[in-house]
Amino acid sequence: MPEDEVEKAVQHLVQLGLLQEFKGSLKGRVTSSVKPWLKVKQRNPERRGRGIYYDLTKIGKKVAGEVWKNYVRPNLKKMRSNQS
């Protein structure tokens, strides 16, 4: 997917209030158990310099939980039962 399309999608999610820019230092604070996607970006040598990172807002976490519970998890169960 082109990078500009990803940026447009991220900005749309920010406007909806589902994402917020991650403010603060990544050094020494990012762990794989807390924010694995930030750790990957932090260690990626191609992404040197000041990057812009995003985190889910409180509403974003609720929406993500509902999507997981009502759409993703049931479809995963169906896919797994069809493979058996």
C-alpha atoms as a PDB file:
ATOM      1  CA  MET A   1       0.000   0.000   0.000  1.00  0.00           C
ATOM      2  CA  PRO A   2       1.433   3.413  -0.905  1.00  0.00           C
ATOM      3  CA  GLU A   3       2.680   5.472   2.028  1.00  0.00           C
ATOM      4  CA  ASP A   4       0.516   8.486   1.136  1.00  0.00           C
ATOM      5  CA  GLU A   5      -2.647   6.350   1.339  1.00  0.00           C
ATOM      6  CA  VAL A   6      -1.611   5.129   4.778  1.00  0.00           C
ATOM      7  CA  GLU A   7      -1.016   8.725   5.913  1.00  0.00           C
ATOM      8  CA  LYS A   8      -4.479   9.763   4.641  1.00  0.00           C
ATOM      9  CA  ALA A   9      -6.087   6.868   6.524  1.00  0.00           C
ATOM     10  CA  VAL A  10      -4.181   7.724   9.712  1.00  0.00           C
ATOM     11  CA  GLN A  11      -5.163  11.399   9.478  1.00  0.00           C
ATOM     12  CA  HIS A  12      -8.801  10.363   8.991  1.00  0.00           C
ATOM     13  CA  LEU A  13      -8.627   8.229  12.152  1.00  0.00           C
ATOM     14  CA  VAL A  14      -7.060  11.172  14.018  1.00  0.00           C
ATOM     15  CA  GLN A  15      -9.925  13.426  12.872  1.00  0.00           C
ATOM     16  CA  LEU A  16     -12.430  10.838  14.095  1.00  0.00           C
ATOM     17  CA  GLY A  17     -10.718  10.868  17.490  1.00  0.00           C
ATOM     18  CA  LEU A  18      -9.637   7.213  17.344  1.00  0.00           C
ATOM     19  CA  LEU A  19      -5.886   7.887  17.166  1.00  0.00           C
ATOM     20  CA  GLN A  20      -3.635  10.467  18.761  1.00  0.00           C
ATOM     21  CA  GLU A  21      -0.037  11.361  18.131  1.00  0.00           C
ATOM     22  CA  PHE A  22       2.246   9.603  20.593  1.00  0.00           C
ATOM     23  CA  LYS A  23       3.933  12.317  22.591  1.00  0.00           C
ATOM     24  CA  GLY A  24       7.038  11.536  24.556  1.00  0.00           C
ATOM     25  CA  SER A  25      10.368   9.818  24.290  1.00  0.00           C
ATOM     26  CA  LEU A  26      10.577   6.284  22.956  1.00  0.00           C
ATOM     27  CA  LYS A  27      14.018   5.744  24.471  1.00  0.00           C
ATOM     28  CA  GLY A  28      13.945   3.248  27.290  1.00  0.00           C
ATOM     29  CA  ARG A  29      10.151   3.234  27.553  1.00  0.00           C
ATOM     30  CA  VAL A  30       9.013   1.084  24.663  1.00  0.00           C
ATOM     31  CA  THR A  31       8.779  -2.606  25.431  1.00  0.00           C
ATOM     32  CA  SER A  32       7.453  -5.416  23.296  1.00  0.00           C
ATOM     33  CA  SER A  33       4.795  -6.179  25.891  1.00  0.00           C
ATOM     34  CA  VAL A  34       3.450  -2.616  26.039  1.00  0.00           C
ATOM     35  CA  LYS A  35       3.701  -1.245  22.510  1.00  0.00           C
ATOM     36  CA  PRO A  36       5.218  -3.826  20.155  1.00  0.00           C
ATOM     37  CA  TRP A  37       4.574  -1.765  17.012  1.00  0.00           C
ATOM     38  CA  LEU A  38       6.535   1.169  18.458  1.00  0.00           C
ATOM     39  CA  LYS A  39       9.454  -1.092  19.329  1.00  0.00           C
ATOM     40  CA  VAL A  40       9.600  -2.394  15.757  1.00  0.00           C
ATOM     41  CA  LYS A  41       9.609   1.145  14.365  1.00  0.00           C
ATOM     42  CA  GLN A  42      12.218   2.269  16.887  1.00  0.00           C
ATOM     43  CA  ARG A  43      14.618  -0.527  15.925  1.00  0.00           C
ATOM     44  CA  ASN A  44      14.081  -0.211  12.171  1.00  0.00           C
ATOM     45  CA  PRO A  45      17.306   1.302  10.747  1.00  0.00           C
ATOM     46  CA  GLU A  46      15.444   2.698   7.715  1.00  0.00           C
ATOM     47  CA  ARG A  47      13.285   4.902   9.976  1.00  0.00           C
ATOM     48  CA  ARG A  48      16.087   6.899  11.642  1.00  0.00           C
ATOM     49  CA  GLY A  49      15.345  10.347  12.953  1.00  0.00           C
ATOM     50  CA  ARG A  50      12.188  11.813  14.410  1.00  0.00           C
ATOM     51  CA  GLY A  51       9.259   9.658  13.419  1.00  0.00           C
ATOM     52  CA  ILE A  52       5.600  10.291  14.073  1.00  0.00           C
ATOM     53  CA  TYR A  53       3.998   7.542  16.106  1.00  0.00           C
ATOM     54  CA  TYR A  54       0.342   7.088  16.963  1.00  0.00           C
ATOM     55  CA  ASP A  55      -1.520   5.490  19.826  1.00  0.00           C
ATOM     56  CA  LEU A  56      -5.190   4.597  20.243  1.00  0.00           C
ATOM     57  CA  THR A  57      -7.321   7.039  22.204  1.00  0.00           C
ATOM     58  CA  LYS A  58      -9.730   5.832  24.877  1.00  0.00           C
ATOM     59  CA  ILE A  59     -12.546   5.798  22.301  1.00  0.00           C
ATOM     60  CA  GLY A  60     -10.235   4.108  19.773  1.00  0.00           C
ATOM     61  CA  LYS A  61      -9.543   1.302  22.239  1.00  0.00           C
ATOM     62  CA  LYS A  62     -13.278   0.789  22.782  1.00  0.00           C
ATOM     63  CA  VAL A  63     -13.939   0.691  19.032  1.00  0.00           C
ATOM     64  CA  ALA A  64     -11.038  -1.711  18.466  1.00  0.00           C
ATOM     65  CA  GLY A  65     -12.358  -3.980  21.228  1.00  0.00           C
ATOM     66  CA  GLU A  66     -15.842  -4.030  19.729  1.00  0.00           C
ATOM     67  CA  VAL A  67     -14.494  -4.763  16.246  1.00  0.00           C
ATOM     68  CA  TRP A  68     -12.386  -7.612  17.617  1.00  0.00           C
ATOM     69  CA  LYS A  69     -15.192  -9.078  19.692  1.00  0.00           C
ATOM     70  CA  ASN A  70     -17.984  -8.787  17.112  1.00  0.00           C
ATOM     71  CA  TYR A  71     -16.240  -9.202  13.752  1.00  0.00           C
ATOM     72  CA  VAL A  72     -12.698 -10.537  13.900  1.00  0.00           C
ATOM     73  CA  ARG A  73     -12.965 -13.242  16.578  1.00  0.00           C
ATOM     74  CA  PRO A  74     -16.168 -14.857  15.172  1.00  0.00           C
ATOM     75  CA  ASN A  75     -14.664 -14.953  11.675  1.00  0.00           C
ATOM     76  CA  LEU A  76     -11.448 -16.484  12.997  1.00  0.00           C
ATOM     77  CA  LYS A  77     -13.476 -19.214  14.673  1.00  0.00           C
ATOM     78  CA  LYS A  78     -15.327 -19.899  11.412  1.00  0.00           C
ATOM     79  CA  MET A  79     -12.083 -20.048   9.443  1.00  0.00           C
ATOM     80  CA  ARG A  80     -10.495 -22.429  11.943  1.00  0.00           C
ATOM     81  CA  SER A  81     -13.513 -24.728  11.987  1.00  0.00           C
ATOM     82  CA  ASN A  82     -13.542 -24.835   8.161  1.00  0.00           C
ATOM     83  CA  GLN A  83      -9.873 -25.846   8.088  1.00  0.00           C
ATOM     84  CA  SER A  84     -10.461 -28.838  10.386  1.00  0.00           C
END
